[in-house]
Amino acid sequence: MTNRQEPARRTRQRRPFFVRRGPMENIATMLIAAGFLMLFQPFLLALYTYSLAALLAGTVMFIIVSKFPE
């Protein structure tokens, strides 16, 4: 048996899902895309009604999440 020292590993704590930048930017982008689809569909008035709210929520979310650390 040899006494080899293991290299010191960096223990980086993983942030919770809702604080990570990458996944939250993807969710915000999907919300913006859903808002556009809701805006341009000709079938349901309810989807058209909430399309602007979805677009605004996705845009605000993207602006806030883009300030998160990597």
PDB file of N, CA and C in Angstrom:
ATOM      1  N   MET A   1       0.829  -1.181   0.000  1.00  0.00           N
ATOM      2  CA  MET A   1       0.000   0.000   0.000  1.00  0.00           C
ATOM      3  C   MET A   1       0.871   1.241   0.000  1.00  0.00           C
ATOM      4  N   THR A   2       0.467   2.159  -0.780  1.00  0.00           N
ATOM      5  CA  THR A   2       1.209   3.412  -0.844  1.00  0.00           C
ATOM      6  C   THR A   2       0.371   4.508  -0.208  1.00  0.00           C
ATOM      7  N   ASN A   3       1.051   5.434   0.376  1.00  0.00           N
ATOM      8  CA  ASN A   3       0.375   6.573   0.986  1.00  0.00           C
ATOM      9  C   ASN A   3       0.381   7.743   0.009  1.00  0.00           C
ATOM     10  N   ARG A   4      -0.532   7.697  -0.890  1.00  0.00           N
ATOM     11  CA  ARG A   4      -0.644   8.812  -1.838  1.00  0.00           C
ATOM     12  C   ARG A   4      -1.702   9.765  -1.331  1.00  0.00           C
ATOM     13  N   GLN A   5      -1.388  11.004  -1.424  1.00  0.00           N
ATOM     14  CA  GLN A   5      -2.377  11.994  -1.025  1.00  0.00           C
ATOM     15  C   GLN A   5      -3.249  12.325  -2.225  1.00  0.00           C
ATOM     16  N   GLU A   6      -4.519  12.338  -1.983  1.00  0.00           N
ATOM     17  CA  GLU A   6      -5.427  12.700  -3.058  1.00  0.00           C
ATOM     18  C   GLU A   6      -5.381  14.205  -3.261  1.00  0.00           C
ATOM     19  N   PRO A   7      -5.455  14.634  -4.500  1.00  0.00           N
ATOM     20  CA  PRO A   7      -5.444  16.076  -4.736  1.00  0.00           C
ATOM     21  C   PRO A   7      -6.682  16.725  -4.115  1.00  0.00           C
ATOM     22  N   ALA A   8      -6.468  17.901  -3.621  1.00  0.00           N
ATOM     23  CA  ALA A   8      -7.579  18.627  -2.992  1.00  0.00           C
ATOM     24  C   ALA A   8      -8.615  18.965  -4.053  1.00  0.00           C
ATOM     25  N   ARG A   9      -9.800  18.497  -3.833  1.00  0.00           N
ATOM     26  CA  ARG A   9     -10.878  18.756  -4.786  1.00  0.00           C
ATOM     27  C   ARG A   9     -11.592  20.043  -4.417  1.00  0.00           C
ATOM     28  N   ARG A  10     -11.933  20.744  -5.422  1.00  0.00           N
ATOM     29  CA  ARG A  10     -12.723  21.948  -5.182  1.00  0.00           C
ATOM     30  C   ARG A  10     -14.145  21.533  -4.868  1.00  0.00           C
ATOM     31  N   THR A  11     -14.601  21.949  -3.743  1.00  0.00           N
ATOM     32  CA  THR A  11     -15.985  21.646  -3.385  1.00  0.00           C
ATOM     33  C   THR A  11     -16.809  22.893  -3.647  1.00  0.00           C
ATOM     34  N   ARG A  12     -17.409  22.886  -4.789  1.00  0.00           N
ATOM     35  CA  ARG A  12     -18.243  24.021  -5.189  1.00  0.00           C
ATOM     36  C   ARG A  12     -19.686  23.654  -4.920  1.00  0.00           C
ATOM     37  N   GLN A  13     -20.342  24.466  -4.151  1.00  0.00           N
ATOM     38  CA  GLN A  13     -21.728  24.182  -3.832  1.00  0.00           C
ATOM     39  C   GLN A  13     -22.601  24.470  -5.039  1.00  0.00           C
ATOM     40  N   ARG A  14     -23.511  23.548  -5.298  1.00  0.00           N
ATOM     41  CA  ARG A  14     -24.460  23.764  -6.385  1.00  0.00           C
ATOM     42  C   ARG A  14     -25.607  24.604  -5.867  1.00  0.00           C
ATOM     43  N   ARG A  15     -25.943  25.584  -6.637  1.00  0.00           N
ATOM     44  CA  ARG A  15     -27.065  26.445  -6.255  1.00  0.00           C
ATOM     45  C   ARG A  15     -28.375  25.739  -6.577  1.00  0.00           C
ATOM     46  N   PRO A  16     -29.439  26.125  -5.886  1.00  0.00           N
ATOM     47  CA  PRO A  16     -30.750  25.552  -6.228  1.00  0.00           C
ATOM     48  C   PRO A  16     -31.134  25.896  -7.660  1.00  0.00           C
ATOM     49  N   PHE A  17     -32.052  25.125  -8.211  1.00  0.00           N
ATOM     50  CA  PHE A  17     -32.438  25.266  -9.611  1.00  0.00           C
ATOM     51  C   PHE A  17     -32.924  26.673  -9.939  1.00  0.00           C
ATOM     52  N   PHE A  18     -33.702  27.270  -9.037  1.00  0.00           N
ATOM     53  CA  PHE A  18     -34.296  28.574  -9.322  1.00  0.00           C
ATOM     54  C   PHE A  18     -33.310  29.724  -9.171  1.00  0.00           C
ATOM     55  N   VAL A  19     -32.065  29.450  -8.810  1.00  0.00           N
ATOM     56  CA  VAL A  19     -31.058  30.503  -8.696  1.00  0.00           C
ATOM     57  C   VAL A  19     -29.993  30.369  -9.780  1.00  0.00           C
ATOM     58  N   ARG A  20     -29.999  29.272 -10.519  1.00  0.00           N
ATOM     59  CA  ARG A  20     -29.009  29.080 -11.572  1.00  0.00           C
ATOM     60  C   ARG A  20     -29.412  29.846 -12.823  1.00  0.00           C
ATOM     61  N   ARG A  21     -28.446  30.458 -13.453  1.00  0.00           N
ATOM     62  CA  ARG A  21     -28.713  31.347 -14.581  1.00  0.00           C
ATOM     63  C   ARG A  21     -29.148  30.610 -15.842  1.00  0.00           C
ATOM     64  N   GLY A  22     -28.445  29.569 -16.214  1.00  0.00           N
ATOM     65  CA  GLY A  22     -28.709  28.868 -17.474  1.00  0.00           C
ATOM     66  C   GLY A  22     -30.119  28.325 -17.596  1.00  0.00           C
ATOM     67  N   PRO A  23     -30.563  27.492 -16.654  1.00  0.00           N
ATOM     68  CA  PRO A  23     -31.914  26.940 -16.775  1.00  0.00           C
ATOM     69  C   PRO A  23     -33.008  28.004 -16.700  1.00  0.00           C
ATOM     70  N   MET A  24     -32.795  29.020 -15.872  1.00  0.00           N
ATOM     71  CA  MET A  24     -33.828  30.045 -15.734  1.00  0.00           C
ATOM     72  C   MET A  24     -33.914  30.918 -16.991  1.00  0.00           C
ATOM     73  N   GLU A  25     -32.783  31.154 -17.656  1.00  0.00           N
ATOM     74  CA  GLU A  25     -32.832  31.883 -18.930  1.00  0.00           C
ATOM     75  C   GLU A  25     -33.591  31.069 -19.970  1.00  0.00           C
ATOM     76  N   ASN A  26     -33.404  29.754 -19.965  1.00  0.00           N
ATOM     77  CA  ASN A  26     -34.137  28.904 -20.904  1.00  0.00           C
ATOM     78  C   ASN A  26     -35.639  28.949 -20.629  1.00  0.00           C
ATOM     79  N   ILE A  27     -36.022  28.928 -19.364  1.00  0.00           N
ATOM     80  CA  ILE A  27     -37.440  29.002 -19.016  1.00  0.00           C
ATOM     81  C   ILE A  27     -38.022  30.347 -19.430  1.00  0.00           C
ATOM     82  N   ALA A  28     -37.283  31.423 -19.204  1.00  0.00           N
ATOM     83  CA  ALA A  28     -37.761  32.749 -19.604  1.00  0.00           C
ATOM     84  C   ALA A  28     -37.917  32.835 -21.123  1.00  0.00           C
ATOM     85  N   THR A  29     -36.976  32.262 -21.858  1.00  0.00           N
ATOM     86  CA  THR A  29     -37.063  32.275 -23.315  1.00  0.00           C
ATOM     87  C   THR A  29     -38.259  31.470 -23.803  1.00  0.00           C
ATOM     88  N   MET A  30     -38.512  30.328 -23.163  1.00  0.00           N
ATOM     89  CA  MET A  30     -39.683  29.531 -23.547  1.00  0.00           C
ATOM     90  C   MET A  30     -40.981  30.267 -23.223  1.00  0.00           C
ATOM     91  N   LEU A  31     -41.006  31.022 -22.141  1.00  0.00           N
ATOM     92  CA  LEU A  31     -42.191  31.808 -21.791  1.00  0.00           C
ATOM     93  C   LEU A  31     -42.427  32.913 -22.817  1.00  0.00           C
ATOM     94  N   ILE A  32     -41.372  33.554 -23.284  1.00  0.00           N
ATOM     95  CA  ILE A  32     -41.502  34.570 -24.331  1.00  0.00           C
ATOM     96  C   ILE A  32     -42.009  33.938 -25.621  1.00  0.00           C
ATOM     97  N   ALA A  33     -41.455  32.782 -25.988  1.00  0.00           N
ATOM     98  CA  ALA A  33     -41.900  32.092 -27.199  1.00  0.00           C
ATOM     99  C   ALA A  33     -43.364  31.668 -27.086  1.00  0.00           C
ATOM    100  N   ALA A  34     -43.764  31.199 -25.915  1.00  0.00           N
ATOM    101  CA  ALA A  34     -45.169  30.827 -25.714  1.00  0.00           C
ATOM    102  C   ALA A  34     -46.069  32.046 -25.844  1.00  0.00           C
ATOM    103  N   GLY A  35     -45.617  33.189 -25.354  1.00  0.00           N
ATOM    104  CA  GLY A  35     -46.392  34.417 -25.501  1.00  0.00           C
ATOM    105  C   GLY A  35     -46.584  34.809 -26.962  1.00  0.00           C
ATOM    106  N   PHE A  36     -45.529  34.653 -27.761  1.00  0.00           N
ATOM    107  CA  PHE A  36     -45.669  34.949 -29.195  1.00  0.00           C
ATOM    108  C   PHE A  36     -46.626  33.979 -29.876  1.00  0.00           C
ATOM    109  N   LEU A  37     -46.509  32.702 -29.536  1.00  0.00           N
ATOM    110  CA  LEU A  37     -47.440  31.729 -30.121  1.00  0.00           C
ATOM    111  C   LEU A  37     -48.881  32.032 -29.722  1.00  0.00           C
ATOM    112  N   MET A  38     -49.073  32.418 -28.473  1.00  0.00           N
ATOM    113  CA  MET A  38     -50.412  32.766 -28.008  1.00  0.00           C
ATOM    114  C   MET A  38     -50.934  33.996 -28.739  1.00  0.00           C
ATOM    115  N   LEU A  39     -50.049  34.914 -29.058  1.00  0.00           N
ATOM    116  CA  LEU A  39     -50.447  36.153 -29.719  1.00  0.00           C
ATOM    117  C   LEU A  39     -50.872  35.917 -31.166  1.00  0.00           C
ATOM    118  N   PHE A  40     -50.208  34.994 -31.851  1.00  0.00           N
ATOM    119  CA  PHE A  40     -50.454  34.825 -33.279  1.00  0.00           C
ATOM    120  C   PHE A  40     -51.354  33.644 -33.635  1.00  0.00           C
ATOM    121  N   GLN A  41     -51.941  32.993 -32.646  1.00  0.00           N
ATOM    122  CA  GLN A  41     -52.849  31.889 -32.958  1.00  0.00           C
ATOM    123  C   GLN A  41     -54.264  32.433 -33.155  1.00  0.00           C
ATOM    124  N   PRO A  42     -55.018  31.882 -34.092  1.00  0.00           N
ATOM    125  CA  PRO A  42     -56.352  32.419 -34.397  1.00  0.00           C
ATOM    126  C   PRO A  42     -57.511  31.647 -33.756  1.00  0.00           C
ATOM    127  N   PHE A  43     -57.244  30.734 -32.811  1.00  0.00           N
ATOM    128  CA  PHE A  43     -58.289  29.816 -32.367  1.00  0.00           C
ATOM    129  C   PHE A  43     -58.958  30.205 -31.060  1.00  0.00           C
ATOM    130  N   LEU A  44     -58.202  30.522 -30.038  1.00  0.00           N
ATOM    131  CA  LEU A  44     -58.769  30.754 -28.716  1.00  0.00           C
ATOM    132  C   LEU A  44     -58.528  32.187 -28.261  1.00  0.00           C
ATOM    133  N   LEU A  45     -59.614  32.871 -27.934  1.00  0.00           N
ATOM    134  CA  LEU A  45     -59.508  34.253 -27.475  1.00  0.00           C
ATOM    135  C   LEU A  45     -58.823  34.332 -26.118  1.00  0.00           C
ATOM    136  N   ALA A  46     -58.990  33.311 -25.279  1.00  0.00           N
ATOM    137  CA  ALA A  46     -58.366  33.324 -23.956  1.00  0.00           C
ATOM    138  C   ALA A  46     -56.835  33.327 -24.066  1.00  0.00           C
ATOM    139  N   LEU A  47     -56.297  32.556 -25.000  1.00  0.00           N
ATOM    140  CA  LEU A  47     -54.843  32.564 -25.197  1.00  0.00           C
ATOM    141  C   LEU A  47     -54.370  33.926 -25.690  1.00  0.00           C
ATOM    142  N   TYR A  48     -55.121  34.516 -26.591  1.00  0.00           N
ATOM    143  CA  TYR A  48     -54.771  35.847 -27.099  1.00  0.00           C
ATOM    144  C   TYR A  48     -54.819  36.873 -25.968  1.00  0.00           C
ATOM    145  N   THR A  49     -55.795  36.721 -25.083  1.00  0.00           N
ATOM    146  CA  THR A  49     -55.969  37.678 -23.988  1.00  0.00           C
ATOM    147  C   THR A  49     -54.750  37.690 -23.065  1.00  0.00           C
ATOM    148  N   TYR A  50     -54.192  36.520 -22.773  1.00  0.00           N
ATOM    149  CA  TYR A  50     -53.073  36.440 -21.834  1.00  0.00           C
ATOM    150  C   TYR A  50     -51.712  36.457 -22.516  1.00  0.00           C
ATOM    151  N   SER A  51     -51.661  36.663 -23.811  1.00  0.00           N
ATOM    152  CA  SER A  51     -50.382  36.637 -24.520  1.00  0.00           C
ATOM    153  C   SER A  51     -49.465  37.782 -24.100  1.00  0.00           C
ATOM    154  N   LEU A  52     -50.013  38.977 -23.936  1.00  0.00           N
ATOM    155  CA  LEU A  52     -49.181  40.109 -23.538  1.00  0.00           C
ATOM    156  C   LEU A  52     -48.629  39.908 -22.131  1.00  0.00           C
ATOM    157  N   ALA A  53     -49.448  39.360 -21.247  1.00  0.00           N
ATOM    158  CA  ALA A  53     -48.967  39.089 -19.884  1.00  0.00           C
ATOM    159  C   ALA A  53     -47.831  38.069 -19.905  1.00  0.00           C
ATOM    160  N   ALA A  54     -47.945  37.058 -20.747  1.00  0.00           N
ATOM    161  CA  ALA A  54     -46.884  36.047 -20.852  1.00  0.00           C
ATOM    162  C   ALA A  54     -45.611  36.665 -21.434  1.00  0.00           C
ATOM    163  N   LEU A  55     -45.756  37.495 -22.445  1.00  0.00           N
ATOM    164  CA  LEU A  55     -44.587  38.165 -23.028  1.00  0.00           C
ATOM    165  C   LEU A  55     -43.894  39.059 -22.002  1.00  0.00           C
ATOM    166  N   LEU A  56     -44.661  39.841 -21.290  1.00  0.00           N
ATOM    167  CA  LEU A  56     -44.072  40.744 -20.302  1.00  0.00           C
ATOM    168  C   LEU A  56     -43.422  39.973 -19.158  1.00  0.00           C
ATOM    169  N   ALA A  57     -44.082  38.922 -18.690  1.00  0.00           N
ATOM    170  CA  ALA A  57     -43.510  38.120 -17.601  1.00  0.00           C
ATOM    171  C   ALA A  57     -42.202  37.470 -18.042  1.00  0.00           C
ATOM    172  N   GLY A  58     -42.162  36.928 -19.254  1.00  0.00           N
ATOM    173  CA  GLY A  58     -40.936  36.321 -19.758  1.00  0.00           C
ATOM    174  C   GLY A  58     -39.812  37.328 -19.933  1.00  0.00           C
ATOM    175  N   THR A  59     -40.155  38.514 -20.415  1.00  0.00           N
ATOM    176  CA  THR A  59     -39.147  39.555 -20.619  1.00  0.00           C
ATOM    177  C   THR A  59     -38.574  40.039 -19.292  1.00  0.00           C
ATOM    178  N   VAL A  60     -39.436  40.309 -18.334  1.00  0.00           N
ATOM    179  CA  VAL A  60     -38.974  40.759 -17.015  1.00  0.00           C
ATOM    180  C   VAL A  60     -38.150  39.663 -16.348  1.00  0.00           C
ATOM    181  N   MET A  61     -38.601  38.431 -16.480  1.00  0.00           N
ATOM    182  CA  MET A  61     -37.864  37.310 -15.902  1.00  0.00           C
ATOM    183  C   MET A  61     -36.483  37.190 -16.534  1.00  0.00           C
ATOM    184  N   PHE A  62     -36.400  37.343 -17.842  1.00  0.00           N
ATOM    185  CA  PHE A  62     -35.112  37.245 -18.522  1.00  0.00           C
ATOM    186  C   PHE A  62     -34.180  38.367 -18.069  1.00  0.00           C
ATOM    187  N   ILE A  63     -34.703  39.570 -17.916  1.00  0.00           N
ATOM    188  CA  ILE A  63     -33.865  40.698 -17.489  1.00  0.00           C
ATOM    189  C   ILE A  63     -33.323  40.445 -16.085  1.00  0.00           C
ATOM    190  N   ILE A  64     -34.166  39.957 -15.187  1.00  0.00           N
ATOM    191  CA  ILE A  64     -33.731  39.706 -13.817  1.00  0.00           C
ATOM    192  C   ILE A  64     -32.735  38.553 -13.763  1.00  0.00           C
ATOM    193  N   VAL A  65     -33.041  37.465 -14.465  1.00  0.00           N
ATOM    194  CA  VAL A  65     -32.186  36.275 -14.414  1.00  0.00           C
ATOM    195  C   VAL A  65     -30.835  36.530 -15.074  1.00  0.00           C
ATOM    196  N   SER A  66     -30.788  37.417 -16.043  1.00  0.00           N
ATOM    197  CA  SER A  66     -29.501  37.669 -16.700  1.00  0.00           C
ATOM    198  C   SER A  66     -28.502  38.358 -15.777  1.00  0.00           C
ATOM    199  N   LYS A  67     -28.958  38.842 -14.649  1.00  0.00           N
ATOM    200  CA  LYS A  67     -28.052  39.459 -13.657  1.00  0.00           C
ATOM    201  C   LYS A  67     -27.485  38.437 -12.683  1.00  0.00           C
ATOM    202  N   PHE A  68     -27.999  37.198 -12.687  1.00  0.00           N
ATOM    203  CA  PHE A  68     -27.520  36.158 -11.786  1.00  0.00           C
ATOM    204  C   PHE A  68     -26.082  35.792 -12.143  1.00  0.00           C
ATOM    205  N   PRO A  69     -25.299  35.338 -11.155  1.00  0.00           N
ATOM    206  CA  PRO A  69     -23.931  34.880 -11.480  1.00  0.00           C
ATOM    207  C   PRO A  69     -23.976  33.582 -12.259  1.00  0.00           C
ATOM    208  N   GLU A  70     -22.913  33.307 -12.987  1.00  0.00           N
ATOM    209  CA  GLU A  70     -22.823  32.086 -13.797  1.00  0.00           C
ATOM    210  C   GLU A  70     -22.890  30.858 -12.946  1.00  0.00           C
TER     211      GLU A  70
END
